[in-house]
Protein backbone atom coordinates (compact mmCIF):
# COMPACT_ATOMS: atom_id res chain seq x y z
CA MET A 1 -94.92 31.28 -21.02
CA LYS A 2 -96.39 28.51 -23.27
CA ASN A 3 -97.76 31.27 -25.78
CA ASN A 4 -94.40 32.97 -25.73
CA TYR A 5 -92.59 29.71 -26.60
CA GLN A 6 -94.99 29.10 -29.32
CA ILE A 7 -94.31 32.46 -30.79
CA ILE A 8 -90.59 31.99 -30.56
CA ILE A 9 -90.84 28.63 -32.47
CA LEU A 10 -93.02 30.28 -35.05
CA ILE A 11 -90.35 33.11 -35.53
CA VAL A 12 -87.53 30.54 -35.87
CA LEU A 13 -89.41 28.54 -38.38
CA PHE A 14 -90.31 31.80 -40.31
CA MET A 15 -86.60 32.88 -40.34
CA SER A 16 -85.42 29.51 -41.24
CA GLU A 17 -87.72 29.31 -44.35
CA TYR A 18 -86.71 32.97 -45.23
CA VAL A 19 -83.00 32.14 -45.16
CA TYR A 20 -83.64 29.01 -47.10
CA SER A 21 -85.43 30.87 -49.78
CA GLN A 22 -82.79 33.60 -49.81
CA GLU A 23 -80.11 30.89 -50.30
CA LYS A 24 -81.93 29.48 -53.25
CA LEU A 25 -82.34 32.82 -55.07
CA PRO A 26 -78.92 32.98 -56.64
CA TYR A 27 -79.17 29.52 -58.26
CA LYS A 28 -79.70 29.38 -61.91
CA GLU A 29 -82.98 28.10 -63.34
CA LEU A 30 -82.25 24.82 -64.86
CA THR A 31 -83.79 23.14 -67.95
CA SER A 32 -85.25 19.77 -67.50
CA GLU A 33 -82.21 18.18 -69.10
CA GLU A 34 -79.88 20.20 -66.77
CA ALA A 35 -81.92 19.31 -63.71
CA TYR A 36 -81.92 15.62 -64.53
CA VAL A 37 -78.17 15.64 -64.26
CA ILE A 38 -77.53 18.21 -61.57
CA ASN A 39 -80.45 17.73 -59.26
CA ASN A 40 -81.31 14.21 -59.96
CA LYS A 41 -77.80 12.73 -60.40
CA GLY A 42 -78.30 11.72 -63.91
CA THR A 43 -75.52 11.25 -66.54
CA GLU A 44 -75.37 12.65 -70.07
CA ARG A 45 -74.59 10.35 -72.83
CA PRO A 46 -70.77 9.94 -73.49
CA PHE A 47 -69.14 12.08 -76.23
CA THR A 48 -72.21 14.35 -76.49
CA GLY A 49 -71.09 17.04 -73.93
CA LYS A 50 -70.06 20.47 -75.07
CA TYR A 51 -66.65 20.42 -73.14
CA THR A 52 -65.52 16.83 -73.74
CA ASN A 53 -62.60 17.80 -75.98
CA SER A 54 -62.39 21.63 -75.24
CA LYS A 55 -58.97 23.02 -74.82
CA GLU A 56 -59.39 26.66 -74.33
CA LYS A 57 -57.77 28.31 -71.36
CA GLY A 58 -60.10 29.32 -68.42
CA THR A 59 -62.13 28.17 -65.59
CA TYR A 60 -65.02 25.76 -65.31
CA VAL A 61 -67.78 26.86 -63.02
CA CYS A 62 -70.87 25.21 -61.60
CA ARG A 63 -73.87 25.65 -64.03
CA LYS A 64 -76.26 25.88 -61.01
CA CYS A 65 -74.65 28.41 -58.68
CA GLY A 66 -71.59 29.69 -60.65
CA SER A 67 -68.85 28.63 -58.17
CA ALA A 68 -65.46 27.99 -59.82
CA LEU A 69 -64.62 24.34 -59.91
CA TYR A 70 -61.76 23.46 -62.29
CA TYR A 71 -59.06 25.20 -64.14
CA SER A 72 -58.41 24.25 -67.72
CA SER A 73 -54.85 23.50 -66.88
CA ASP A 74 -55.95 20.48 -64.96
CA LYS A 75 -58.10 19.10 -67.86
CA PHE A 76 -56.87 16.18 -69.90
CA GLU A 77 -58.09 13.80 -72.50
CA SER A 78 -58.95 10.35 -71.22
CA GLU A 79 -61.11 9.30 -74.23
CA CYS A 80 -63.86 8.17 -71.78
CA GLY A 81 -66.45 10.37 -73.27
CA TRP A 82 -66.83 13.04 -70.68
CA PRO A 83 -64.52 15.95 -69.59
CA SER A 84 -61.72 14.72 -67.35
CA PHE A 85 -59.70 16.69 -64.64
CA ASP A 86 -56.84 15.55 -62.52
CA ASP A 87 -57.33 18.27 -59.82
CA GLU A 88 -60.06 20.64 -58.57
CA ILE A 89 -60.03 24.07 -57.22
CA LYS A 90 -59.25 23.89 -53.60
CA GLY A 91 -62.44 23.40 -51.60
CA ALA A 92 -64.62 23.66 -54.68
CA VAL A 93 -65.60 19.85 -54.80
CA ASN A 94 -66.85 17.40 -52.18
CA ARG A 95 -66.63 13.63 -52.39
CA VAL A 96 -69.50 11.45 -51.24
CA PRO A 97 -70.39 7.77 -51.52
CA ASP A 98 -72.49 6.99 -54.58
CA LEU A 99 -75.92 5.46 -54.09
CA ASP A 100 -74.65 2.51 -56.15
CA GLY A 101 -72.38 1.73 -53.07
CA MET A 102 -69.28 1.30 -55.31
CA ARG A 103 -68.28 4.64 -56.88
CA THR A 104 -67.50 8.07 -55.26
CA GLU A 105 -69.69 10.92 -56.47
CA ILE A 106 -68.44 14.37 -56.82
CA ILE A 107 -70.72 17.51 -56.05
CA CYS A 108 -70.33 21.08 -55.86
CA SER A 109 -69.40 22.03 -52.37
CA ASN A 110 -71.49 25.25 -52.65
CA CYS A 111 -74.82 24.10 -53.87
CA GLY A 112 -74.46 20.23 -53.80
CA GLY A 113 -75.17 19.97 -57.62
CA HIS A 114 -74.14 16.70 -59.03
CA LEU A 115 -70.98 16.83 -61.12
CA GLY A 116 -69.93 13.29 -61.88
CA HIS A 117 -67.72 10.76 -60.25
CA VAL A 118 -63.96 10.67 -59.27
CA PHE A 119 -61.68 7.66 -59.96
CA THR A 120 -58.13 6.85 -58.86
CA GLY A 121 -55.36 4.43 -59.91
CA GLU A 122 -56.06 4.62 -63.68
CA GLY A 123 -52.63 6.12 -64.49
CA PHE A 124 -53.81 8.73 -66.95
CA THR A 125 -51.67 11.56 -65.36
CA GLU A 126 -49.09 11.90 -62.73
CA LYS A 127 -51.67 12.75 -60.19
CA ASN A 128 -53.43 9.45 -60.92
CA ILE A 129 -56.77 10.92 -60.37
CA ARG A 130 -59.75 11.46 -62.82
CA HIS A 131 -62.73 13.66 -62.15
CA CYS A 132 -65.19 12.50 -64.69
CA VAL A 133 -67.65 15.38 -65.09
CA ASN A 134 -70.84 15.95 -67.15
CA SER A 135 -70.36 18.87 -69.40
CA ILE A 136 -74.07 19.88 -68.56
CA SER A 137 -72.91 20.45 -65.07
CA LEU A 138 -70.36 23.05 -66.13
CA ILE A 139 -70.07 26.54 -67.66
CA PHE A 140 -66.74 27.56 -69.21
CA LYS A 141 -65.45 31.03 -68.36
CA GLU A 142 -62.66 32.09 -70.73
CA ASP A 143 -59.55 33.22 -68.91
CA ARG A 144 -58.97 36.91 -69.64
CA MET A 145 -56.90 37.40 -66.31
CA ASN A 146 -53.19 37.83 -66.57
CA THR A 147 -51.74 35.42 -64.04
CA GLU A 148 -48.27 34.54 -63.07
CA THR A 149 -46.81 31.71 -60.76
CA ALA A 150 -44.28 32.00 -58.04
CA TYR A 151 -42.55 29.49 -55.79
CA PHE A 152 -41.08 30.32 -52.42
CA ALA A 153 -39.43 27.94 -49.89
CA GLY A 154 -38.79 29.51 -46.41
CA GLY A 155 -38.99 26.65 -43.99
CA CYS A 156 -42.15 25.00 -42.89
CA PHE A 157 -44.70 25.74 -45.74
CA TRP A 158 -47.46 26.21 -43.28
CA GLY A 159 -46.23 29.58 -42.05
CA VAL A 160 -45.18 30.80 -45.42
CA GLU A 161 -48.68 30.15 -46.78
CA HIS A 162 -50.37 31.68 -43.78
CA LEU A 163 -48.60 34.98 -44.09
CA MET A 164 -48.55 35.38 -47.83
CA LYS A 165 -51.91 33.99 -48.96
CA LYS A 166 -54.08 36.99 -47.93
CA GLN A 167 -52.12 39.62 -49.96
CA ASN A 168 -54.39 41.55 -52.48
CA GLY A 169 -53.76 40.15 -55.90
CA VAL A 170 -53.00 36.49 -54.67
CA ILE A 171 -55.47 34.22 -56.50
CA SER A 172 -54.53 30.96 -54.88
CA THR A 173 -51.84 29.24 -52.81
CA THR A 174 -50.89 25.60 -52.61
CA VAL A 175 -48.16 24.07 -50.41
CA GLY A 176 -46.00 21.24 -51.80
CA TYR A 177 -42.53 20.05 -52.70
CA ILE A 178 -40.16 21.20 -55.34
CA GLY A 179 -36.43 20.98 -56.27
CA GLY A 180 -36.06 17.22 -55.78
CA VAL A 181 -35.51 14.12 -57.90
CA LYS A 182 -38.17 11.66 -56.88
CA GLU A 183 -41.60 11.86 -58.57
CA ASN A 184 -44.73 12.36 -56.43
CA PRO A 185 -42.89 12.33 -52.99
CA THR A 186 -44.73 11.96 -49.73
CA TYR A 187 -44.28 14.18 -46.88
CA GLU A 188 -42.51 11.25 -45.01
CA GLU A 189 -40.19 10.85 -47.88
CA VAL A 190 -39.28 14.44 -48.09
CA CYS A 191 -38.56 14.60 -44.42
CA THR A 192 -35.87 12.00 -44.75
CA GLY A 193 -33.80 14.63 -46.89
CA LYS A 194 -33.25 11.83 -49.49
CA THR A 195 -35.54 13.16 -52.23
CA GLY A 196 -33.81 16.59 -52.47
CA HIS A 197 -37.17 18.50 -52.15
CA ALA A 198 -37.77 21.68 -50.31
CA GLU A 199 -41.15 22.55 -48.63
CA VAL A 200 -42.48 25.23 -51.03
CA LEU A 201 -45.43 27.48 -51.43
CA GLU A 202 -46.87 27.89 -54.95
CA ILE A 203 -48.52 31.24 -55.45
CA ILE A 204 -50.74 32.09 -58.42
CA PHE A 205 -51.20 35.91 -58.53
CA ASN A 206 -52.36 38.72 -60.72
CA PRO A 207 -49.32 40.86 -61.55
CA GLU A 208 -51.64 43.86 -62.47
CA ILE A 209 -52.44 43.93 -58.82
CA ILE A 210 -49.34 42.69 -56.97
CA SER A 211 -45.93 42.38 -58.44
CA PHE A 212 -43.49 39.46 -58.15
CA GLU A 213 -41.20 41.86 -56.44
CA GLU A 214 -43.67 42.86 -53.79
CA LEU A 215 -44.12 39.07 -53.01
CA ALA A 216 -40.42 38.51 -52.94
CA LYS A 217 -39.87 41.34 -50.54
CA LEU A 218 -42.56 39.90 -48.20
CA PHE A 219 -41.02 36.44 -48.50
CA PHE A 220 -37.70 37.84 -47.15
CA GLU A 221 -39.53 39.68 -44.38
CA ILE A 222 -41.34 36.70 -42.99
CA HIS A 223 -38.59 34.14 -42.57
CA ASP A 224 -34.89 34.05 -41.47
CA PHE A 225 -33.08 33.88 -44.83
CA SER A 226 -29.67 33.67 -43.09
CA GLN A 227 -30.17 30.13 -41.88
CA VAL A 228 -28.93 27.21 -43.83
CA ASN A 229 -31.17 24.05 -44.20
CA ARG A 230 -33.37 25.11 -41.20
CA GLN A 231 -35.87 27.49 -40.03
CA GLY A 232 -36.08 27.96 -36.27
CA PRO A 233 -36.60 24.60 -34.67
CA ASP A 234 -37.21 22.88 -37.99
CA ILE A 235 -33.81 21.36 -39.28
CA GLY A 236 -33.22 19.63 -42.56
CA THR A 237 -32.59 20.38 -46.24
CA GLN A 238 -36.33 20.34 -46.91
CA TYR A 239 -36.45 23.60 -44.77
CA ARG A 240 -34.01 25.58 -46.79
CA SER A 241 -34.58 29.02 -47.98
CA GLY A 242 -34.99 29.17 -51.81
CA VAL A 243 -36.84 30.96 -54.59
CA PHE A 244 -37.53 28.78 -57.63
CA PHE A 245 -38.06 31.22 -60.53
CA THR A 246 -40.39 30.59 -63.56
CA ASN A 247 -38.85 33.12 -65.75
CA ASP A 248 -35.68 35.37 -66.09
CA GLU A 249 -37.48 38.40 -64.89
CA GLN A 250 -38.19 36.72 -61.55
CA LYS A 251 -34.58 35.57 -61.27
CA ASN A 252 -33.35 39.12 -61.94
CA VAL A 253 -35.69 40.47 -59.27
CA ILE A 254 -34.44 37.87 -56.59
CA GLU A 255 -30.73 38.72 -57.46
CA LYS A 256 -31.35 42.33 -57.07
CA LEU A 257 -33.05 41.93 -53.73
CA ILE A 258 -30.19 39.74 -52.54
CA VAL A 259 -27.75 42.44 -53.43
CA ILE A 260 -29.78 44.96 -51.51
CA LEU A 261 -30.06 42.67 -48.56
CA LYS A 262 -26.29 42.13 -48.37
CA GLU A 263 -25.69 45.93 -48.74
CA LYS A 264 -27.76 46.26 -45.58
CA GLY A 265 -25.46 43.92 -43.74
CA TYR A 266 -27.51 40.77 -43.88
CA LYS A 267 -26.12 37.23 -44.57
CA VAL A 268 -28.22 35.56 -47.13
CA ALA A 269 -28.49 31.84 -47.56
CA THR A 270 -31.47 31.77 -50.00
CA GLU A 271 -30.93 29.53 -52.97
CA ILE A 272 -32.00 30.59 -56.47
CA ASN A 273 -32.96 27.79 -58.84
CA LYS A 274 -35.14 27.36 -61.87
CA ALA A 275 -38.47 25.83 -61.05
CA ASN A 276 -38.82 22.08 -61.79
CA LYS A 277 -41.70 19.93 -61.17
CA PHE A 278 -43.99 20.97 -58.35
CA TRP A 279 -45.76 18.33 -56.30
CA LYS A 280 -48.78 19.28 -54.38
CA ALA A 281 -48.62 18.24 -50.64
CA GLU A 282 -51.18 16.04 -48.95
CA ASP A 283 -54.49 17.74 -48.20
CA TYR A 284 -54.01 17.93 -44.49
CA HIS A 285 -51.08 20.40 -45.10
CA GLN A 286 -53.19 22.75 -47.16
CA ASP A 287 -54.34 25.99 -45.37
CA TYR A 288 -53.09 24.36 -42.13
CA TYR A 289 -53.32 27.35 -39.72
CA ASP A 290 -56.72 28.44 -41.10
CA VAL A 291 -58.06 24.87 -40.59
CA THR A 292 -56.54 24.32 -37.17
CA GLY A 293 -56.86 27.83 -35.71
CA LYS A 294 -53.27 27.76 -34.61
CA GLN A 295 -50.48 30.40 -35.23
CA PRO A 296 -47.07 30.08 -37.03
CA TYR A 297 -44.35 29.08 -34.58
CA CYS A 298 -41.33 29.95 -36.71
CA HIS A 299 -42.54 32.80 -39.06
CA THR A 300 -43.13 36.44 -38.20
CA TYR A 301 -43.17 39.62 -40.16
CA LYS A 302 -40.21 41.90 -39.91
CA LYS A 303 -39.95 45.09 -41.94
CA ILE A 304 -36.74 45.08 -44.03
CA PHE A 305 -37.29 46.93 -47.28
């Protein structure tokens, strides 16, 4: 038994080492300068980085592992000497206490490579966050993909996201608030009904793979669009049914679908409004059902079209 136990231990150690070595294979071989920053948490000199003032549209990925980290749409000029972003791609960046005991370090959530530091309360943008990133930690990928954005409000945004996010052609989903007057509202403020916002799902999609009309049809098929200012047990103006269009084509599609629904005998309470400022909801609302393992309580699919 003792010999068998030793053999098992050796096998486990061997497999662990094999898996570890396999995980390291995809990582890019770094120069000494790159390794100094990415592996050893160094900092490049200010105003020397390649991407400090870049304005091209695309995606910034981790130089070490290639994981997508930041969209160019979230980049802004802070004149601090390093590239600045006020948001990251969902789940791409981890925050850890810096060794200096004061700052918050940001690292790639996939490989752990050092990116820089994150700061709040500086007031550079409405999001009030600055990811101060070393250019040398990044590689820029020019955006050649045709993308479009859609906003659907159909009651609790948890269920809407859960049922729409996995469609082929959907690039990303973010739940938040739209249609109101207060800037940067909190969930608690929206729930009072005084801000005028609706709970909404922002969808960034590739129209060459899935059309806005296909998404809109699914939207109508996963919620009760006949209810006014509610969805199932959730009552309030924040739970109203609405589509916030970003262009005239989207508006025309929704109007056409509503005509079809009425011809089928349905009562339609869905509002059609031009999209105004979208505010991202708190982190604990994002991907709620995937994170909690629960299931939607007021959203189910029903074939209509």
